[in-house]
């Protein structure tokens, strides 16, 4: 996630890391998607952009994407 991203209105890092202990949340100064962070809350989940209109909606989409990624490694 970008430091200046609108998604940072909520503490996504703590929420995701508490719900998914095997997932690491990394924050960078810039993810090089110029302008997107000022327009929509977004994050990269395994190099896939996940974005929405509100931080809460983005968080829900991030959870969905994480679940999809984890399902690949499930038994």
PDB file of N, CA and C in Angstrom:
ATOM      1  N   UNK A   1       0.845  -1.172   0.000  1.00  0.00           N
ATOM      2  CA  UNK A   1       0.000   0.000   0.000  1.00  0.00           C
ATOM      3  C   UNK A   1       0.892   1.238   0.000  1.00  0.00           C
ATOM      4  N   UNK A   2       0.434   2.288  -0.690  1.00  0.00           N
ATOM      5  CA  UNK A   2       1.127   3.574  -0.667  1.00  0.00           C
ATOM      6  C   UNK A   2       0.852   4.283   0.655  1.00  0.00           C
ATOM      7  N   UNK A   3       1.846   4.989   1.157  1.00  0.00           N
ATOM      8  CA  UNK A   3       1.662   5.767   2.373  1.00  0.00           C
ATOM      9  C   UNK A   3       0.585   6.841   2.212  1.00  0.00           C
ATOM     10  N   UNK A   4       0.471   7.439   1.023  1.00  0.00           N
ATOM     11  CA  UNK A   4      -0.472   8.526   0.801  1.00  0.00           C
ATOM     12  C   UNK A   4      -1.827   8.085   0.292  1.00  0.00           C
ATOM     13  N   UNK A   5      -2.077   6.815   0.289  1.00  0.00           N
ATOM     14  CA  UNK A   5      -3.298   6.240  -0.264  1.00  0.00           C
ATOM     15  C   UNK A   5      -4.501   6.521   0.628  1.00  0.00           C
ATOM     16  N   UNK A   6      -5.645   6.714  -0.008  1.00  0.00           N
ATOM     17  CA  UNK A   6      -6.900   6.940   0.727  1.00  0.00           C
ATOM     18  C   UNK A   6      -7.298   5.759   1.612  1.00  0.00           C
ATOM     19  N   UNK A   7      -6.797   4.577   1.302  1.00  0.00           N
ATOM     20  CA  UNK A   7      -7.156   3.397   2.103  1.00  0.00           C
ATOM     21  C   UNK A   7      -6.621   3.520   3.528  1.00  0.00           C
ATOM     22  N   UNK A   8      -5.630   4.364   3.729  1.00  0.00           N
ATOM     23  CA  UNK A   8      -5.025   4.521   5.054  1.00  0.00           C
ATOM     24  C   UNK A   8      -5.909   5.267   6.041  1.00  0.00           C
ATOM     25  N   UNK A   9      -7.117   5.614   5.633  1.00  0.00           N
ATOM     26  CA  UNK A   9      -8.077   6.204   6.573  1.00  0.00           C
ATOM     27  C   UNK A   9      -8.484   5.185   7.643  1.00  0.00           C
ATOM     28  N   UNK A  10      -8.308   3.902   7.329  1.00  0.00           N
ATOM     29  CA  UNK A  10      -8.533   2.835   8.311  1.00  0.00           C
ATOM     30  C   UNK A  10      -7.216   2.074   8.475  1.00  0.00           C
ATOM     31  N   UNK A  11      -7.056   1.358   9.560  1.00  0.00           N
ATOM     32  CA  UNK A  11      -5.808   0.652   9.846  1.00  0.00           C
ATOM     33  C   UNK A  11      -5.820  -0.730   9.199  1.00  0.00           C
ATOM     34  N   UNK A  12      -5.678  -0.739   7.875  1.00  0.00           N
ATOM     35  CA  UNK A  12      -5.740  -1.978   7.111  1.00  0.00           C
ATOM     36  C   UNK A  12      -4.656  -2.949   7.559  1.00  0.00           C
ATOM     37  N   UNK A  13      -3.475  -2.436   7.813  1.00  0.00           N
ATOM     38  CA  UNK A  13      -2.361  -3.301   8.203  1.00  0.00           C
ATOM     39  C   UNK A  13      -2.710  -4.135   9.440  1.00  0.00           C
ATOM     40  N   UNK A  14      -3.175  -3.510  10.487  1.00  0.00           N
ATOM     41  CA  UNK A  14      -3.531  -4.237  11.716  1.00  0.00           C
ATOM     42  C   UNK A  14      -4.697  -5.181  11.492  1.00  0.00           C
ATOM     43  N   UNK A  15      -5.698  -4.738  10.744  1.00  0.00           N
ATOM     44  CA  UNK A  15      -6.882  -5.567  10.493  1.00  0.00           C
ATOM     45  C   UNK A  15      -6.501  -6.831   9.737  1.00  0.00           C
ATOM     46  N   UNK A  16      -5.792  -6.680   8.624  1.00  0.00           N
ATOM     47  CA  UNK A  16      -5.432  -7.835   7.789  1.00  0.00           C
ATOM     48  C   UNK A  16      -4.482  -8.765   8.531  1.00  0.00           C
ATOM     49  N   UNK A  17      -3.466  -8.202   9.192  1.00  0.00           N
ATOM     50  CA  UNK A  17      -2.504  -9.062   9.873  1.00  0.00           C
ATOM     51  C   UNK A  17      -3.118  -9.790  11.072  1.00  0.00           C
ATOM     52  N   UNK A  18      -4.163  -9.230  11.696  1.00  0.00           N
ATOM     53  CA  UNK A  18      -4.830  -9.946  12.784  1.00  0.00           C
ATOM     54  C   UNK A  18      -5.762 -11.028  12.244  1.00  0.00           C
ATOM     55  N   UNK A  19      -6.403 -10.781  11.109  1.00  0.00           N
ATOM     56  CA  UNK A  19      -7.323 -11.765  10.527  1.00  0.00           C
ATOM     57  C   UNK A  19      -6.582 -12.868   9.777  1.00  0.00           C
ATOM     58  N   UNK A  20      -5.431 -12.535   9.193  1.00  0.00           N
ATOM     59  CA  UNK A  20      -4.651 -13.475   8.389  1.00  0.00           C
ATOM     60  C   UNK A  20      -3.200 -13.447   8.875  1.00  0.00           C
ATOM     61  N   UNK A  21      -2.877 -14.202   9.923  1.00  0.00           N
ATOM     62  CA  UNK A  21      -1.530 -14.155  10.495  1.00  0.00           C
ATOM     63  C   UNK A  21      -0.417 -14.531   9.518  1.00  0.00           C
ATOM     64  N   UNK A  22      -0.731 -15.278   8.473  1.00  0.00           N
ATOM     65  CA  UNK A  22       0.283 -15.680   7.497  1.00  0.00           C
ATOM     66  C   UNK A  22       0.497 -14.645   6.400  1.00  0.00           C
ATOM     67  N   UNK A  23      -0.246 -13.542   6.453  1.00  0.00           N
ATOM     68  CA  UNK A  23      -0.162 -12.501   5.427  1.00  0.00           C
ATOM     69  C   UNK A  23       0.607 -11.307   5.985  1.00  0.00           C
ATOM     70  N   UNK A  24       1.532 -10.807   5.197  1.00  0.00           N
ATOM     71  CA  UNK A  24       2.287  -9.611   5.581  1.00  0.00           C
ATOM     72  C   UNK A  24       1.776  -8.418   4.786  1.00  0.00           C
ATOM     73  N   UNK A  25       1.564  -7.313   5.470  1.00  0.00           N
ATOM     74  CA  UNK A  25       1.146  -6.074   4.825  1.00  0.00           C
ATOM     75  C   UNK A  25       2.363  -5.159   4.783  1.00  0.00           C
ATOM     76  N   UNK A  26       2.706  -4.700   3.591  1.00  0.00           N
ATOM     77  CA  UNK A  26       3.856  -3.826   3.402  1.00  0.00           C
ATOM     78  C   UNK A  26       3.393  -2.464   2.931  1.00  0.00           C
ATOM     79  N   UNK A  27       3.969  -1.424   3.496  1.00  0.00           N
ATOM     80  CA  UNK A  27       3.655  -0.075   3.054  1.00  0.00           C
ATOM     81  C   UNK A  27       4.899   0.528   2.419  1.00  0.00           C
ATOM     82  N   UNK A  28       4.705   1.212   1.303  1.00  0.00           N
ATOM     83  CA  UNK A  28       5.776   1.885   0.584  1.00  0.00           C
ATOM     84  C   UNK A  28       5.423   3.346   0.416  1.00  0.00           C
ATOM     85  N   UNK A  29       6.424   4.149   0.141  1.00  0.00           N
ATOM     86  CA  UNK A  29       6.150   5.553  -0.137  1.00  0.00           C
ATOM     87  C   UNK A  29       5.354   5.703  -1.418  1.00  0.00           C
ATOM     88  N   UNK A  30       5.654   4.874  -2.409  1.00  0.00           N
ATOM     89  CA  UNK A  30       4.959   4.974  -3.697  1.00  0.00           C
ATOM     90  C   UNK A  30       4.970   3.620  -4.382  1.00  0.00           C
ATOM     91  N   UNK A  31       3.849   3.267  -5.001  1.00  0.00           N
ATOM     92  CA  UNK A  31       3.754   2.024  -5.766  1.00  0.00           C
ATOM     93  C   UNK A  31       3.755   2.287  -7.270  1.00  0.00           C
ATOM     94  N   UNK A  32       3.995   3.526  -7.655  1.00  0.00           N
ATOM     95  CA  UNK A  32       4.132   3.936  -9.056  1.00  0.00           C
ATOM     96  C   UNK A  32       2.863   3.810  -9.880  1.00  0.00           C
ATOM     97  N   UNK A  33       1.711   3.959  -9.255  1.00  0.00           N
ATOM     98  CA  UNK A  33       0.445   4.066  -9.977  1.00  0.00           C
ATOM     99  C   UNK A  33      -0.019   5.505  -9.810  1.00  0.00           C
ATOM    100  N   UNK A  34       0.727   6.395 -10.426  1.00  0.00           N
ATOM    101  CA  UNK A  34       0.558   7.838 -10.226  1.00  0.00           C
ATOM    102  C   UNK A  34      -0.900   8.273 -10.326  1.00  0.00           C
ATOM    103  N   UNK A  35      -1.341   8.937  -9.286  1.00  0.00           N
ATOM    104  CA  UNK A  35      -2.681   9.496  -9.261  1.00  0.00           C
ATOM    105  C   UNK A  35      -3.740   8.576  -8.693  1.00  0.00           C
ATOM    106  N   UNK A  36      -3.584   7.265  -8.826  1.00  0.00           N
ATOM    107  CA  UNK A  36      -4.615   6.339  -8.355  1.00  0.00           C
ATOM    108  C   UNK A  36      -4.802   6.457  -6.846  1.00  0.00           C
ATOM    109  N   UNK A  37      -3.710   6.629  -6.107  1.00  0.00           N
ATOM    110  CA  UNK A  37      -3.829   6.679  -4.649  1.00  0.00           C
ATOM    111  C   UNK A  37      -4.576   7.921  -4.174  1.00  0.00           C
ATOM    112  N   UNK A  38      -4.614   8.962  -4.986  1.00  0.00           N
ATOM    113  CA  UNK A  38      -5.336  10.182  -4.614  1.00  0.00           C
ATOM    114  C   UNK A  38      -6.810  10.110  -5.009  1.00  0.00           C
ATOM    115  N   UNK A  39      -7.151   9.157  -5.873  1.00  0.00           N
ATOM    116  CA  UNK A  39      -8.518   9.055  -6.391  1.00  0.00           C
ATOM    117  C   UNK A  39      -9.322   7.957  -5.700  1.00  0.00           C
ATOM    118  N   UNK A  40      -8.703   6.783  -5.518  1.00  0.00           N
ATOM    119  CA  UNK A  40      -9.411   5.628  -4.959  1.00  0.00           C
ATOM    120  C   UNK A  40      -8.533   4.912  -3.940  1.00  0.00           C
ATOM    121  N   UNK A  41      -9.147   4.362  -2.912  1.00  0.00           N
ATOM    122  CA  UNK A  41      -8.411   3.507  -1.997  1.00  0.00           C
ATOM    123  C   UNK A  41      -8.014   2.225  -2.731  1.00  0.00           C
ATOM    124  N   UNK A  42      -6.743   1.855  -2.639  1.00  0.00           N
ATOM    125  CA  UNK A  42      -6.322   0.634  -3.315  1.00  0.00           C
ATOM    126  C   UNK A  42      -5.122   0.012  -2.623  1.00  0.00           C
ATOM    127  N   UNK A  43      -4.862  -1.240  -2.990  1.00  0.00           N
ATOM    128  CA  UNK A  43      -3.687  -1.968  -2.525  1.00  0.00           C
ATOM    129  C   UNK A  43      -3.309  -2.969  -3.603  1.00  0.00           C
ATOM    130  N   UNK A  44      -2.106  -3.458  -3.506  1.00  0.00           N
ATOM    131  CA  UNK A  44      -1.677  -4.558  -4.362  1.00  0.00           C
ATOM    132  C   UNK A  44      -1.714  -5.829  -3.527  1.00  0.00           C
ATOM    133  N   UNK A  45      -2.344  -6.853  -4.059  1.00  0.00           N
ATOM    134  CA  UNK A  45      -2.359  -8.164  -3.412  1.00  0.00           C
ATOM    135  C   UNK A  45      -1.686  -9.116  -4.397  1.00  0.00           C
ATOM    136  N   UNK A  46      -0.464  -9.507  -4.063  1.00  0.00           N
ATOM    137  CA  UNK A  46       0.353 -10.328  -4.971  1.00  0.00           C
ATOM    138  C   UNK A  46       0.389  -9.724  -6.370  1.00  0.00           C
ATOM    139  N   UNK A  47       0.671  -8.436  -6.441  1.00  0.00           N
ATOM    140  CA  UNK A  47       0.823  -7.671  -7.679  1.00  0.00           C
ATOM    141  C   UNK A  47      -0.466  -7.466  -8.464  1.00  0.00           C
ATOM    142  N   UNK A  48      -1.604  -7.709  -7.857  1.00  0.00           N
ATOM    143  CA  UNK A  48      -2.894  -7.429  -8.485  1.00  0.00           C
ATOM    144  C   UNK A  48      -3.505  -6.221  -7.785  1.00  0.00           C
ATOM    145  N   UNK A  49      -3.871  -5.196  -8.557  1.00  0.00           N
ATOM    146  CA  UNK A  49      -4.492  -4.012  -7.970  1.00  0.00           C
ATOM    147  C   UNK A  49      -5.902  -4.330  -7.496  1.00  0.00           C
ATOM    148  N   UNK A  50      -6.194  -3.961  -6.277  1.00  0.00           N
ATOM    149  CA  UNK A  50      -7.525  -4.118  -5.684  1.00  0.00           C
ATOM    150  C   UNK A  50      -7.935  -2.724  -5.237  1.00  0.00           C
ATOM    151  N   UNK A  51      -9.037  -2.211  -5.797  1.00  0.00           N
ATOM    152  CA  UNK A  51      -9.462  -0.854  -5.456  1.00  0.00           C
ATOM    153  C   UNK A  51     -10.968  -0.761  -5.380  1.00  0.00           C
ATOM    154  N   UNK A  52     -11.440   0.319  -4.741  1.00  0.00           N
ATOM    155  CA  UNK A  52     -12.878   0.513  -4.542  1.00  0.00           C
ATOM    156  C   UNK A  52     -13.150   1.997  -4.323  1.00  0.00           C
ATOM    157  N   UNK A  53     -14.399   2.313  -4.039  1.00  0.00           N
ATOM    158  CA  UNK A  53     -14.795   3.708  -3.813  1.00  0.00           C
ATOM    159  C   UNK A  53     -14.525   4.182  -2.389  1.00  0.00           C
ATOM    160  N   UNK A  54     -14.570   3.255  -1.422  1.00  0.00           N
ATOM    161  CA  UNK A  54     -14.345   3.621  -0.028  1.00  0.00           C
ATOM    162  C   UNK A  54     -13.273   2.703   0.558  1.00  0.00           C
ATOM    163  N   UNK A  55     -12.600   3.127   1.626  1.00  0.00           N
ATOM    164  CA  UNK A  55     -11.622   2.255   2.274  1.00  0.00           C
ATOM    165  C   UNK A  55     -12.235   0.944   2.770  1.00  0.00           C
ATOM    166  N   UNK A  56     -13.452   1.010   3.297  1.00  0.00           N
ATOM    167  CA  UNK A  56     -14.115  -0.202   3.796  1.00  0.00           C
ATOM    168  C   UNK A  56     -14.412  -1.183   2.669  1.00  0.00           C
ATOM    169  N   UNK A  57     -14.872  -0.663   1.542  1.00  0.00           N
ATOM    170  CA  UNK A  57     -15.147  -1.521   0.387  1.00  0.00           C
ATOM    171  C   UNK A  57     -13.844  -2.116  -0.140  1.00  0.00           C
ATOM    172  N   UNK A  58     -12.793  -1.333  -0.160  1.00  0.00           N
ATOM    173  CA  UNK A  58     -11.485  -1.840  -0.604  1.00  0.00           C
ATOM    174  C   UNK A  58     -11.004  -2.942   0.332  1.00  0.00           C
ATOM    175  N   UNK A  59     -11.181  -2.753   1.629  1.00  0.00           N
ATOM    176  CA  UNK A  59     -10.789  -3.768   2.603  1.00  0.00           C
ATOM    177  C   UNK A  59     -11.535  -5.068   2.349  1.00  0.00           C
ATOM    178  N   UNK A  60     -12.832  -4.999   2.069  1.00  0.00           N
ATOM    179  CA  UNK A  60     -13.603  -6.208   1.755  1.00  0.00           C
ATOM    180  C   UNK A  60     -13.065  -6.898   0.510  1.00  0.00           C
ATOM    181  N   UNK A  61     -12.709  -6.125  -0.505  1.00  0.00           N
ATOM    182  CA  UNK A  61     -12.162  -6.705  -1.736  1.00  0.00           C
ATOM    183  C   UNK A  61     -10.777  -7.301  -1.500  1.00  0.00           C
ATOM    184  N   UNK A  62     -10.001  -6.675  -0.627  1.00  0.00           N
ATOM    185  CA  UNK A  62      -8.689  -7.217  -0.274  1.00  0.00           C
ATOM    186  C   UNK A  62      -8.863  -8.558   0.426  1.00  0.00           C
ATOM    187  N   UNK A  63      -9.804  -8.628   1.351  1.00  0.00           N
ATOM    188  CA  UNK A  63     -10.087  -9.900   2.031  1.00  0.00           C
ATOM    189  C   UNK A  63     -10.452 -10.987   1.024  1.00  0.00           C
ATOM    190  N   UNK A  64     -11.307 -10.653   0.059  1.00  0.00           N
ATOM    191  CA  UNK A  64     -11.722 -11.616  -0.964  1.00  0.00           C
ATOM    192  C   UNK A  64     -10.522 -12.098  -1.765  1.00  0.00           C
ATOM    193  N   UNK A  65      -9.667 -11.181  -2.161  1.00  0.00           N
ATOM    194  CA  UNK A  65      -8.483 -11.539  -2.949  1.00  0.00           C
ATOM    195  C   UNK A  65      -7.531 -12.398  -2.127  1.00  0.00           C
ATOM    196  N   UNK A  66      -7.357 -12.076  -0.856  1.00  0.00           N
ATOM    197  CA  UNK A  66      -6.509 -12.894   0.011  1.00  0.00           C
ATOM    198  C   UNK A  66      -7.073 -14.305   0.114  1.00  0.00           C
ATOM    199  N   UNK A  67      -8.376 -14.410   0.301  1.00  0.00           N
ATOM    200  CA  UNK A  67      -9.021 -15.734   0.382  1.00  0.00           C
ATOM    201  C   UNK A  67      -8.773 -16.530  -0.895  1.00  0.00           C
ATOM    202  N   UNK A  68      -8.882 -15.880  -2.047  1.00  0.00           N
ATOM    203  CA  UNK A  68      -8.624 -16.544  -3.330  1.00  0.00           C
ATOM    204  C   UNK A  68      -7.181 -17.029  -3.401  1.00  0.00           C
ATOM    205  N   UNK A  69      -6.257 -16.189  -2.974  1.00  0.00           N
ATOM    206  CA  UNK A  69      -4.828 -16.546  -3.002  1.00  0.00           C
ATOM    207  C   UNK A  69      -4.545 -17.699  -2.045  1.00  0.00           C
ATOM    208  N   UNK A  70      -5.107 -17.654  -0.843  1.00  0.00           N
ATOM    209  CA  UNK A  70      -4.871 -18.713   0.128  1.00  0.00           C
ATOM    210  C   UNK A  70      -5.498 -20.035  -0.296  1.00  0.00           C
ATOM    211  N   UNK A  71      -6.595 -19.979  -1.028  1.00  0.00           N
ATOM    212  CA  UNK A  71      -7.263 -21.197  -1.490  1.00  0.00           C
ATOM    213  C   UNK A  71      -6.379 -22.005  -2.431  1.00  0.00           C
ATOM    214  N   UNK A  72      -5.505 -21.326  -3.142  1.00  0.00           N
ATOM    215  CA  UNK A  72      -4.590 -22.015  -4.049  1.00  0.00           C
ATOM    216  C   UNK A  72      -3.664 -22.951  -3.275  1.00  0.00           C
ATOM    217  N   UNK A  73      -3.320 -22.565  -2.038  1.00  0.00           N
ATOM    218  CA  UNK A  73      -2.386 -23.336  -1.237  1.00  0.00           C
ATOM    219  C   UNK A  73      -3.060 -24.253  -0.218  1.00  0.00           C
ATOM    220  N   UNK A  74      -4.376 -24.238  -0.185  1.00  0.00           N
ATOM    221  CA  UNK A  74      -5.106 -25.097   0.771  1.00  0.00           C
ATOM    222  C   UNK A  74      -5.009 -26.554   0.341  1.00  0.00           C
ATOM    223  N   UNK A  75      -5.129 -27.411   1.299  1.00  0.00           N
ATOM    224  CA  UNK A  75      -5.062 -28.868   1.004  1.00  0.00           C
ATOM    225  C   UNK A  75      -6.212 -29.337   0.209  1.00  0.00           C
TER     226      UNK A  75
END
